[in-house]
Amino acid sequence: MDTRAVRYFRWLLFWQQQGRCCYCREHVVLTYRPYDAARPYAATLEHLQRRADGGTGHPANLAMACKHCNNTRGERDWLSYASWRQSN
C-alpha cells in the first residue's frame, strides 16, 4: 500500500473508531511526524487477521490500534486480544 493510501485509511479508521484504539479503546493520536509516530499512543494500521496467518491488506481486514497494542498483540487473534485488553 502506498503512503497516500495508508494515510487515507488511517484517517478514515480514526474517524470511524472515534479516535480510539480497536483493542484498549484509549484515545490515539493521528500524526505523520516521525517523532510522534514512535509514541505508544500513536495511531497505527492493524491487520485483524495477521498477514502471517493469511490476512491481507484489504480494507475489511484493517483497524486502527495504538502502537502499544499493535506491538504487544503477538500471535493472539484480534478478538481474544481485544477482550483481554478491555478487561484490564
Protein backbone atom coordinates (compact mmCIF):
# COMPACT_ATOMS: atom_id res chain seq x y z
CA MET A 1 0.00 0.00 0.00
CA ASP A 2 1.44 3.37 -0.92
CA THR A 3 1.87 6.26 1.53
CA ARG A 4 -1.25 8.15 0.38
CA ALA A 5 -3.43 5.06 0.82
CA VAL A 6 -2.02 4.39 4.29
CA ARG A 7 -2.71 7.99 5.32
CA TYR A 8 -6.23 7.83 3.90
CA PHE A 9 -7.10 4.57 5.69
CA ARG A 10 -5.57 5.80 8.94
CA TRP A 11 -7.70 8.96 8.73
CA LEU A 12 -10.84 7.01 7.75
CA LEU A 13 -10.42 4.50 10.59
CA PHE A 14 -9.65 7.32 13.03
CA TRP A 15 -12.99 8.89 12.11
CA GLN A 16 -14.93 5.58 12.14
CA GLN A 17 -13.49 4.49 15.51
CA GLN A 18 -13.93 7.97 17.03
CA GLY A 19 -10.20 8.31 17.62
CA ARG A 20 -9.94 5.21 19.81
CA CYS A 21 -7.81 2.08 19.65
CA CYS A 22 -9.71 -1.01 18.48
CA TYR A 23 -8.25 -3.01 21.40
CA CYS A 24 -7.92 -0.88 24.54
CA ARG A 25 -10.42 1.87 23.49
CA GLU A 26 -7.98 4.60 24.61
CA HIS A 27 -7.66 7.77 22.53
CA VAL A 28 -4.89 7.70 19.94
CA VAL A 29 -3.01 10.48 18.17
CA LEU A 30 -3.12 10.68 14.41
CA THR A 31 0.22 12.09 13.31
CA TYR A 32 2.70 11.85 10.47
CA ARG A 33 5.71 13.25 12.30
CA PRO A 34 8.30 10.51 12.88
CA TYR A 35 8.91 11.57 16.49
CA ASP A 36 5.23 11.29 17.44
CA ALA A 37 4.72 8.08 15.45
CA ALA A 38 7.09 6.29 17.86
CA ARG A 39 4.96 7.09 20.92
CA PRO A 40 2.83 4.31 22.48
CA TYR A 41 -0.45 6.16 21.78
CA ALA A 42 0.27 6.84 18.09
CA ALA A 43 -2.32 5.53 15.63
CA THR A 44 -1.21 2.53 13.55
CA LEU A 45 -2.93 0.34 10.99
CA GLU A 46 -3.59 -3.12 12.37
CA HIS A 47 -4.32 -6.26 10.37
CA LEU A 48 -7.13 -8.03 12.23
CA GLN A 49 -6.19 -11.35 10.68
CA ARG A 50 -2.41 -11.31 10.80
CA ARG A 51 -0.59 -11.45 7.49
CA ALA A 52 1.40 -14.39 8.90
CA ASP A 53 -1.93 -16.23 9.19
CA GLY A 54 -3.04 -15.43 5.65
CA GLY A 55 -4.57 -11.99 6.25
CA THR A 56 -4.44 -9.37 3.52
CA GLY A 57 -4.16 -5.62 3.31
CA HIS A 58 -7.80 -5.39 2.22
CA PRO A 59 -9.67 -2.53 3.98
CA ALA A 60 -12.07 -5.00 5.61
CA ASN A 61 -9.09 -6.55 7.42
CA LEU A 62 -7.73 -3.24 8.77
CA ALA A 63 -8.42 -1.42 12.02
CA MET A 64 -6.70 1.38 13.88
CA ALA A 65 -4.78 0.47 17.02
CA CYS A 66 -2.43 2.34 19.31
CA LYS A 67 1.21 1.47 18.80
CA HIS A 68 1.39 -0.22 22.20
CA CYS A 69 -1.46 -2.66 21.45
CA ASN A 70 -0.20 -3.26 17.91
CA ASN A 71 3.25 -4.16 19.22
CA THR A 72 2.08 -6.36 22.11
CA ARG A 73 -0.63 -8.40 20.38
CA GLY A 74 1.82 -11.04 19.21
CA GLU A 75 0.28 -14.25 17.89
CA ARG A 76 -3.11 -13.85 19.60
CA ASP A 77 -6.20 -13.50 17.44
CA TRP A 78 -7.66 -9.99 17.42
CA LEU A 79 -10.93 -10.81 19.21
CA SER A 80 -9.37 -12.55 22.22
CA TYR A 81 -6.70 -9.83 22.45
CA ALA A 82 -9.38 -7.10 22.37
CA SER A 83 -11.35 -8.87 25.13
CA TRP A 84 -8.22 -9.24 27.23
CA ARG A 85 -7.17 -5.57 26.76
CA GLN A 86 -10.62 -4.20 27.58
CA SER A 87 -10.89 -6.29 30.74
CA ASN A 88 -7.59 -4.90 32.12
